[in-house]
Amino acid sequence: MKIRMQALAAGPSGTWQPGQIVEVPEAVGLRLVAGGYAVDVSPKEPNPSPSLKGREEEGVDEPEDARAPGAPERAVIVRRGKRK
């Protein structure tokens, strides 16, 4: 795993300066990233996004929404007690 150090780290495996990119074992890298001492800069595999053509072939025309048909929106002001 490749990480870019955000803070100085020193130990038996060496000294790493802030901004330095180092190759570390996966377990060490995950702990440093979780603690905020480093940022993961390992190359990520691209995540292929589904095309709309494939969705049209599956019979999906438009995205759904959660609105109830024919229900108008109303705002209600609740007044408690008399105003003076």
PDB file of N, CA and C in Angstrom:
ATOM      1  N   MET A   1       0.853  -1.171   0.000  1.00  0.00           N
ATOM      2  CA  MET A   1       0.000   0.000   0.000  1.00  0.00           C
ATOM      3  C   MET A   1       0.897   1.232   0.000  1.00  0.00           C
ATOM      4  N   LYS A   2       0.545   2.207  -0.836  1.00  0.00           N
ATOM      5  CA  LYS A   2       1.293   3.456  -0.872  1.00  0.00           C
ATOM      6  C   LYS A   2       0.522   4.513  -0.091  1.00  0.00           C
ATOM      7  N   ILE A   3       1.267   5.237   0.759  1.00  0.00           N
ATOM      8  CA  ILE A   3       0.660   6.303   1.549  1.00  0.00           C
ATOM      9  C   ILE A   3       1.524   7.547   1.466  1.00  0.00           C
ATOM     10  N   ARG A   4       0.880   8.712   1.649  1.00  0.00           N
ATOM     11  CA  ARG A   4       1.614   9.973   1.756  1.00  0.00           C
ATOM     12  C   ARG A   4       1.479  10.432   3.196  1.00  0.00           C
ATOM     13  N   MET A   5       2.590  10.617   3.856  1.00  0.00           N
ATOM     14  CA  MET A   5       2.607  10.965   5.263  1.00  0.00           C
ATOM     15  C   MET A   5       2.082  12.383   5.480  1.00  0.00           C
ATOM     16  N   GLN A   6       1.291  12.566   6.511  1.00  0.00           N
ATOM     17  CA  GLN A   6       0.791  13.872   6.907  1.00  0.00           C
ATOM     18  C   GLN A   6       1.537  14.380   8.142  1.00  0.00           C
ATOM     19  N   ALA A   7       2.231  13.470   8.830  1.00  0.00           N
ATOM     20  CA  ALA A   7       2.958  13.823  10.048  1.00  0.00           C
ATOM     21  C   ALA A   7       4.273  13.053  10.058  1.00  0.00           C
ATOM     22  N   LEU A   8       5.199  13.495  10.874  1.00  0.00           N
ATOM     23  CA  LEU A   8       6.479  12.817  11.028  1.00  0.00           C
ATOM     24  C   LEU A   8       6.271  11.489  11.746  1.00  0.00           C
ATOM     25  N   ALA A   9       6.908  10.438  11.250  1.00  0.00           N
ATOM     26  CA  ALA A   9       6.839   9.128  11.894  1.00  0.00           C
ATOM     27  C   ALA A   9       8.241   8.544  11.919  1.00  0.00           C
ATOM     28  N   ALA A  10       8.615   7.978  13.060  1.00  0.00           N
ATOM     29  CA  ALA A  10       9.935   7.364  13.191  1.00  0.00           C
ATOM     30  C   ALA A  10       9.788   6.061  13.953  1.00  0.00           C
ATOM     31  N   GLY A  11      10.526   5.061  13.525  1.00  0.00           N
ATOM     32  CA  GLY A  11      10.479   3.761  14.178  1.00  0.00           C
ATOM     33  C   GLY A  11      11.574   2.872  13.659  1.00  0.00           C
ATOM     34  N   PRO A  12      11.501   1.582  13.993  1.00  0.00           N
ATOM     35  CA  PRO A  12      12.536   0.644  13.561  1.00  0.00           C
ATOM     36  C   PRO A  12      12.666   0.528  12.034  1.00  0.00           C
ATOM     37  N   SER A  13      11.574   0.804  11.315  1.00  0.00           N
ATOM     38  CA  SER A  13      11.622   0.684   9.859  1.00  0.00           C
ATOM     39  C   SER A  13      12.117   1.957   9.185  1.00  0.00           C
ATOM     40  N   GLY A  14      12.367   3.016   9.940  1.00  0.00           N
ATOM     41  CA  GLY A  14      12.908   4.242   9.354  1.00  0.00           C
ATOM     42  C   GLY A  14      12.157   5.476   9.798  1.00  0.00           C
ATOM     43  N   THR A  15      12.502   6.586   9.169  1.00  0.00           N
ATOM     44  CA  THR A  15      11.868   7.870   9.460  1.00  0.00           C
ATOM     45  C   THR A  15      11.152   8.342   8.212  1.00  0.00           C
ATOM     46  N   TRP A  16       9.903   8.761   8.371  1.00  0.00           N
ATOM     47  CA  TRP A  16       9.103   9.255   7.259  1.00  0.00           C
ATOM     48  C   TRP A  16       8.717  10.693   7.535  1.00  0.00           C
ATOM     49  N   GLN A  17       9.011  11.577   6.606  1.00  0.00           N
ATOM     50  CA  GLN A  17       8.737  13.000   6.720  1.00  0.00           C
ATOM     51  C   GLN A  17       7.337  13.321   6.178  1.00  0.00           C
ATOM     52  N   PRO A  18       6.715  14.397   6.661  1.00  0.00           N
ATOM     53  CA  PRO A  18       5.430  14.813   6.088  1.00  0.00           C
ATOM     54  C   PRO A  18       5.566  15.092   4.597  1.00  0.00           C
ATOM     55  N   GLY A  19       4.612  14.606   3.801  1.00  0.00           N
ATOM     56  CA  GLY A  19       4.630  14.773   2.355  1.00  0.00           C
ATOM     57  C   GLY A  19       5.343  13.656   1.614  1.00  0.00           C
ATOM     58  N   GLN A  20       6.089  12.825   2.330  1.00  0.00           N
ATOM     59  CA  GLN A  20       6.829  11.733   1.709  1.00  0.00           C
ATOM     60  C   GLN A  20       5.878  10.594   1.370  1.00  0.00           C
ATOM     61  N   ILE A  21       6.045   9.986   0.190  1.00  0.00           N
ATOM     62  CA  ILE A  21       5.243   8.833  -0.221  1.00  0.00           C
ATOM     63  C   ILE A  21       6.065   7.586   0.037  1.00  0.00           C
ATOM     64  N   VAL A  22       5.478   6.646   0.807  1.00  0.00           N
ATOM     65  CA  VAL A  22       6.186   5.421   1.179  1.00  0.00           C
ATOM     66  C   VAL A  22       5.316   4.203   0.907  1.00  0.00           C
ATOM     67  N   GLU A  23       5.950   3.092   0.664  1.00  0.00           N
ATOM     68  CA  GLU A  23       5.280   1.804   0.474  1.00  0.00           C
ATOM     69  C   GLU A  23       5.335   1.067   1.805  1.00  0.00           C
ATOM     70  N   VAL A  24       4.165   0.709   2.346  1.00  0.00           N
ATOM     71  CA  VAL A  24       4.094   0.015   3.636  1.00  0.00           C
ATOM     72  C   VAL A  24       3.167  -1.192   3.517  1.00  0.00           C
ATOM     73  N   PRO A  25       3.267  -2.141   4.456  1.00  0.00           N
ATOM     74  CA  PRO A  25       2.308  -3.252   4.458  1.00  0.00           C
ATOM     75  C   PRO A  25       0.873  -2.730   4.651  1.00  0.00           C
ATOM     76  N   GLU A  26      -0.076  -3.466   4.141  1.00  0.00           N
ATOM     77  CA  GLU A  26      -1.485  -3.068   4.174  1.00  0.00           C
ATOM     78  C   GLU A  26      -1.955  -2.742   5.600  1.00  0.00           C
ATOM     79  N   ALA A  27      -1.622  -3.587   6.566  1.00  0.00           N
ATOM     80  CA  ALA A  27      -2.084  -3.390   7.944  1.00  0.00           C
ATOM     81  C   ALA A  27      -1.534  -2.086   8.528  1.00  0.00           C
ATOM     82  N   VAL A  28      -0.271  -1.791   8.285  1.00  0.00           N
ATOM     83  CA  VAL A  28       0.344  -0.564   8.800  1.00  0.00           C
ATOM     84  C   VAL A  28      -0.284   0.655   8.129  1.00  0.00           C
ATOM     85  N   GLY A  29      -0.452   0.588   6.819  1.00  0.00           N
ATOM     86  CA  GLY A  29      -1.032   1.701   6.077  1.00  0.00           C
ATOM     87  C   GLY A  29      -2.447   2.025   6.517  1.00  0.00           C
ATOM     88  N   LEU A  30      -3.263   1.001   6.735  1.00  0.00           N
ATOM     89  CA  LEU A  30      -4.637   1.227   7.158  1.00  0.00           C
ATOM     90  C   LEU A  30      -4.686   1.889   8.531  1.00  0.00           C
ATOM     91  N   ARG A  31      -3.796   1.485   9.436  1.00  0.00           N
ATOM     92  CA  ARG A  31      -3.772   2.089  10.771  1.00  0.00           C
ATOM     93  C   ARG A  31      -3.325   3.551  10.701  1.00  0.00           C
ATOM     94  N   LEU A  32      -2.330   3.856   9.884  1.00  0.00           N
ATOM     95  CA  LEU A  32      -1.866   5.239   9.754  1.00  0.00           C
ATOM     96  C   LEU A  32      -2.935   6.134   9.123  1.00  0.00           C
ATOM     97  N   VAL A  33      -3.636   5.621   8.115  1.00  0.00           N
ATOM     98  CA  VAL A  33      -4.692   6.387   7.463  1.00  0.00           C
ATOM     99  C   VAL A  33      -5.857   6.598   8.433  1.00  0.00           C
ATOM    100  N   ALA A  34      -6.243   5.562   9.180  1.00  0.00           N
ATOM    101  CA  ALA A  34      -7.351   5.674  10.133  1.00  0.00           C
ATOM    102  C   ALA A  34      -7.034   6.680  11.236  1.00  0.00           C
ATOM    103  N   GLY A  35      -5.771   6.781  11.619  1.00  0.00           N
ATOM    104  CA  GLY A  35      -5.369   7.716  12.656  1.00  0.00           C
ATOM    105  C   GLY A  35      -5.168   9.134  12.161  1.00  0.00           C
ATOM    106  N   GLY A  36      -5.231   9.353  10.844  1.00  0.00           N
ATOM    107  CA  GLY A  36      -5.056  10.682  10.289  1.00  0.00           C
ATOM    108  C   GLY A  36      -3.600  11.073  10.090  1.00  0.00           C
ATOM    109  N   TYR A  37      -2.688  10.114  10.217  1.00  0.00           N
ATOM    110  CA  TYR A  37      -1.264  10.392  10.055  1.00  0.00           C
ATOM    111  C   TYR A  37      -0.804  10.280   8.605  1.00  0.00           C
ATOM    112  N   ALA A  38      -1.656   9.693   7.740  1.00  0.00           N
ATOM    113  CA  ALA A  38      -1.286   9.490   6.343  1.00  0.00           C
ATOM    114  C   ALA A  38      -2.545   9.481   5.480  1.00  0.00           C
ATOM    115  N   VAL A  39      -2.321   9.589   4.161  1.00  0.00           N
ATOM    116  CA  VAL A  39      -3.399   9.535   3.180  1.00  0.00           C
ATOM    117  C   VAL A  39      -3.066   8.430   2.190  1.00  0.00           C
ATOM    118  N   ASP A  40      -4.051   7.622   1.853  1.00  0.00           N
ATOM    119  CA  ASP A  40      -3.847   6.522   0.903  1.00  0.00           C
ATOM    120  C   ASP A  40      -3.703   7.097  -0.500  1.00  0.00           C
ATOM    121  N   VAL A  41      -2.595   6.776  -1.172  1.00  0.00           N
ATOM    122  CA  VAL A  41      -2.381   7.216  -2.554  1.00  0.00           C
ATOM    123  C   VAL A  41      -2.193   6.028  -3.493  1.00  0.00           C
ATOM    124  N   SER A  42      -2.609   4.838  -3.056  1.00  0.00           N
ATOM    125  CA  SER A  42      -2.521   3.654  -3.906  1.00  0.00           C
ATOM    126  C   SER A  42      -3.388   3.860  -5.132  1.00  0.00           C
ATOM    127  N   PRO A  43      -2.938   3.404  -6.292  1.00  0.00           N
ATOM    128  CA  PRO A  43      -3.772   3.547  -7.491  1.00  0.00           C
ATOM    129  C   PRO A  43      -5.038   2.717  -7.350  1.00  0.00           C
ATOM    130  N   LYS A  44      -6.159   3.344  -7.616  1.00  0.00           N
ATOM    131  CA  LYS A  44      -7.459   2.674  -7.529  1.00  0.00           C
ATOM    132  C   LYS A  44      -7.862   2.190  -8.908  1.00  0.00           C
ATOM    133  N   GLU A  45      -8.537   1.054  -8.949  1.00  0.00           N
ATOM    134  CA  GLU A  45      -9.066   0.569 -10.213  1.00  0.00           C
ATOM    135  C   GLU A  45     -10.315   1.374 -10.545  1.00  0.00           C
ATOM    136  N   PRO A  46     -10.477   1.787 -11.789  1.00  0.00           N
ATOM    137  CA  PRO A  46     -11.660   2.569 -12.142  1.00  0.00           C
ATOM    138  C   PRO A  46     -12.929   1.748 -11.960  1.00  0.00           C
ATOM    139  N   ASN A  47     -13.946   2.401 -11.408  1.00  0.00           N
ATOM    140  CA  ASN A  47     -15.225   1.751 -11.194  1.00  0.00           C
ATOM    141  C   ASN A  47     -16.118   2.054 -12.389  1.00  0.00           C
ATOM    142  N   PRO A  48     -16.358   1.069 -13.259  1.00  0.00           N
ATOM    143  CA  PRO A  48     -17.158   1.353 -14.450  1.00  0.00           C
ATOM    144  C   PRO A  48     -18.595   1.694 -14.056  1.00  0.00           C
ATOM    145  N   SER A  49     -19.067   2.856 -14.502  1.00  0.00           N
ATOM    146  CA  SER A  49     -20.441   3.251 -14.188  1.00  0.00           C
ATOM    147  C   SER A  49     -21.380   2.598 -15.197  1.00  0.00           C
ATOM    148  N   PRO A  50     -22.539   2.202 -14.735  1.00  0.00           N
ATOM    149  CA  PRO A  50     -23.486   1.575 -15.669  1.00  0.00           C
ATOM    150  C   PRO A  50     -23.995   2.598 -16.671  1.00  0.00           C
ATOM    151  N   SER A  51     -24.132   2.182 -17.899  1.00  0.00           N
ATOM    152  CA  SER A  51     -24.610   3.094 -18.939  1.00  0.00           C
ATOM    153  C   SER A  51     -26.131   3.122 -18.930  1.00  0.00           C
ATOM    154  N   LEU A  52     -26.679   4.200 -19.433  1.00  0.00           N
ATOM    155  CA  LEU A  52     -28.134   4.301 -19.494  1.00  0.00           C
ATOM    156  C   LEU A  52     -28.711   3.365 -20.536  1.00  0.00           C
ATOM    157  N   LYS A  53     -27.920   3.043 -21.556  1.00  0.00           N
ATOM    158  CA  LYS A  53     -28.422   2.130 -22.579  1.00  0.00           C
ATOM    159  C   LYS A  53     -28.751   0.771 -21.969  1.00  0.00           C
ATOM    160  N   GLY A  54     -27.909   0.300 -21.078  1.00  0.00           N
ATOM    161  CA  GLY A  54     -28.163  -0.982 -20.423  1.00  0.00           C
ATOM    162  C   GLY A  54     -29.416  -0.937 -19.572  1.00  0.00           C
ATOM    163  N   ARG A  55     -29.682   0.203 -18.942  1.00  0.00           N
ATOM    164  CA  ARG A  55     -30.876   0.338 -18.114  1.00  0.00           C
ATOM    165  C   ARG A  55     -32.130   0.376 -18.987  1.00  0.00           C
ATOM    166  N   GLU A  56     -32.045   1.015 -20.155  1.00  0.00           N
ATOM    167  CA  GLU A  56     -33.200   1.055 -21.033  1.00  0.00           C
ATOM    168  C   GLU A  56     -33.551  -0.335 -21.531  1.00  0.00           C
ATOM    169  N   GLU A  57     -32.542  -1.144 -21.773  1.00  0.00           N
ATOM    170  CA  GLU A  57     -32.789  -2.501 -22.240  1.00  0.00           C
ATOM    171  C   GLU A  57     -33.437  -3.359 -21.159  1.00  0.00           C
ATOM    172  N   GLU A  58     -33.178  -3.010 -19.871  1.00  0.00           N
ATOM    173  CA  GLU A  58     -33.765  -3.770 -18.771  1.00  0.00           C
ATOM    174  C   GLU A  58     -35.201  -3.354 -18.494  1.00  0.00           C
ATOM    175  N   GLY A  59     -35.684  -2.292 -19.139  1.00  0.00           N
ATOM    176  CA  GLY A  59     -37.045  -1.847 -18.932  1.00  0.00           C
ATOM    177  C   GLY A  59     -37.173  -0.725 -17.920  1.00  0.00           C
ATOM    178  N   VAL A  60     -36.069  -0.112 -17.499  1.00  0.00           N
ATOM    179  CA  VAL A  60     -36.112   1.001 -16.563  1.00  0.00           C
ATOM    180  C   VAL A  60     -36.134   2.280 -17.382  1.00  0.00           C
ATOM    181  N   ASP A  61     -37.242   3.009 -17.298  1.00  0.00           N
ATOM    182  CA  ASP A  61     -37.384   4.221 -18.090  1.00  0.00           C
ATOM    183  C   ASP A  61     -36.882   5.457 -17.351  1.00  0.00           C
ATOM    184  N   GLU A  62     -37.442   5.732 -16.185  1.00  0.00           N
ATOM    185  CA  GLU A  62     -37.092   6.919 -15.429  1.00  0.00           C
ATOM    186  C   GLU A  62     -36.897   6.553 -13.964  1.00  0.00           C
ATOM    187  N   PRO A  63     -36.110   7.338 -13.242  1.00  0.00           N
ATOM    188  CA  PRO A  63     -35.954   7.058 -11.818  1.00  0.00           C
ATOM    189  C   PRO A  63     -37.248   7.354 -11.066  1.00  0.00           C
ATOM    190  N   GLU A  64     -37.464   6.627  -9.989  1.00  0.00           N
ATOM    191  CA  GLU A  64     -38.659   6.816  -9.177  1.00  0.00           C
ATOM    192  C   GLU A  64     -38.446   7.968  -8.211  1.00  0.00           C
ATOM    193  N   ASP A  65     -39.544   8.548  -7.747  1.00  0.00           N
ATOM    194  CA  ASP A  65     -39.456   9.516  -6.667  1.00  0.00           C
ATOM    195  C   ASP A  65     -40.451   9.121  -5.576  1.00  0.00           C
ATOM    196  N   ALA A  66     -40.290   9.697  -4.404  1.00  0.00           N
ATOM    197  CA  ALA A  66     -41.071   9.263  -3.252  1.00  0.00           C
ATOM    198  C   ALA A  66     -42.299  10.134  -2.994  1.00  0.00           C
ATOM    199  N   ARG A  67     -42.715  10.927  -3.952  1.00  0.00           N
ATOM    200  CA  ARG A  67     -43.882  11.779  -3.756  1.00  0.00           C
ATOM    201  C   ARG A  67     -45.161  11.005  -4.019  1.00  0.00           C
ATOM    202  N   ALA A  68     -46.153  11.267  -3.198  1.00  0.00           N
ATOM    203  CA  ALA A  68     -47.463  10.651  -3.411  1.00  0.00           C
ATOM    204  C   ALA A  68     -48.187  11.455  -4.485  1.00  0.00           C
ATOM    205  N   PRO A  69     -48.770  10.792  -5.471  1.00  0.00           N
ATOM    206  CA  PRO A  69     -49.441  11.532  -6.537  1.00  0.00           C
ATOM    207  C   PRO A  69     -50.702  12.221  -6.016  1.00  0.00           C
ATOM    208  N   GLY A  70     -50.890  13.491  -6.400  1.00  0.00           N
ATOM    209  CA  GLY A  70     -52.107  14.215  -6.078  1.00  0.00           C
ATOM    210  C   GLY A  70     -52.170  14.774  -4.668  1.00  0.00           C
ATOM    211  N   ALA A  71     -51.150  14.612  -3.863  1.00  0.00           N
ATOM    212  CA  ALA A  71     -51.180  15.135  -2.499  1.00  0.00           C
ATOM    213  C   ALA A  71     -50.501  16.502  -2.479  1.00  0.00           C
ATOM    214  N   PRO A  72     -51.278  17.593  -2.299  1.00  0.00           N
ATOM    215  CA  PRO A  72     -50.649  18.916  -2.271  1.00  0.00           C
ATOM    216  C   PRO A  72     -49.886  19.126  -0.971  1.00  0.00           C
ATOM    217  N   GLU A  73     -48.850  19.933  -1.048  1.00  0.00           N
ATOM    218  CA  GLU A  73     -48.078  20.247   0.148  1.00  0.00           C
ATOM    219  C   GLU A  73     -48.758  21.398   0.871  1.00  0.00           C
ATOM    220  N   ARG A  74     -48.830  21.308   2.211  1.00  0.00           N
ATOM    221  CA  ARG A  74     -49.446  22.366   3.004  1.00  0.00           C
ATOM    222  C   ARG A  74     -48.551  22.665   4.193  1.00  0.00           C
ATOM    223  N   ALA A  75     -48.485  23.924   4.546  1.00  0.00           N
ATOM    224  CA  ALA A  75     -47.764  24.338   5.734  1.00  0.00           C
ATOM    225  C   ALA A  75     -48.787  24.779   6.775  1.00  0.00           C
ATOM    226  N   VAL A  76     -48.645  24.326   8.005  1.00  0.00           N
ATOM    227  CA  VAL A  76     -49.587  24.653   9.063  1.00  0.00           C
ATOM    228  C   VAL A  76     -48.824  25.354  10.175  1.00  0.00           C
ATOM    229  N   ILE A  77     -49.346  26.495  10.625  1.00  0.00           N
ATOM    230  CA  ILE A  77     -48.748  27.218  11.736  1.00  0.00           C
ATOM    231  C   ILE A  77     -49.589  26.939  12.971  1.00  0.00           C
ATOM    232  N   VAL A  78     -48.978  26.402  14.004  1.00  0.00           N
ATOM    233  CA  VAL A  78     -49.675  26.101  15.240  1.00  0.00           C
ATOM    234  C   VAL A  78     -49.399  27.228  16.217  1.00  0.00           C
ATOM    235  N   ARG A  79     -50.448  27.864  16.695  1.00  0.00           N
ATOM    236  CA  ARG A  79     -50.303  28.955  17.657  1.00  0.00           C
ATOM    237  C   ARG A  79     -50.793  28.465  19.012  1.00  0.00           C
ATOM    238  N   ARG A  80     -49.982  28.693  20.006  1.00  0.00           N
ATOM    239  CA  ARG A  80     -50.328  28.268  21.354  1.00  0.00           C
ATOM    240  C   ARG A  80     -50.581  29.498  22.214  1.00  0.00           C
ATOM    241  N   GLY A  81     -51.727  29.578  22.784  1.00  0.00           N
ATOM    242  CA  GLY A  81     -52.055  30.700  23.661  1.00  0.00           C
ATOM    243  C   GLY A  81     -52.287  31.986  22.891  1.00  0.00           C
ATOM    244  N   LYS A  82     -52.661  33.030  23.641  1.00  0.00           N
ATOM    245  CA  LYS A  82     -52.919  34.329  23.011  1.00  0.00           C
ATOM    246  C   LYS A  82     -51.634  35.133  22.955  1.00  0.00           C
ATOM    247  N   ARG A  83     -51.515  35.906  21.913  1.00  0.00           N
ATOM    248  CA  ARG A  83     -50.419  36.861  21.813  1.00  0.00           C
ATOM    249  C   ARG A  83     -50.898  38.202  22.324  1.00  0.00           C
ATOM    250  N   LYS A  84     -50.056  38.886  23.028  1.00  0.00           N
ATOM    251  CA  LYS A  84     -50.437  40.205  23.533  1.00  0.00           C
ATOM    252  C   LYS A  84     -49.593  41.275  22.916  1.00  0.00           C
TER     253      LYS A  84
END
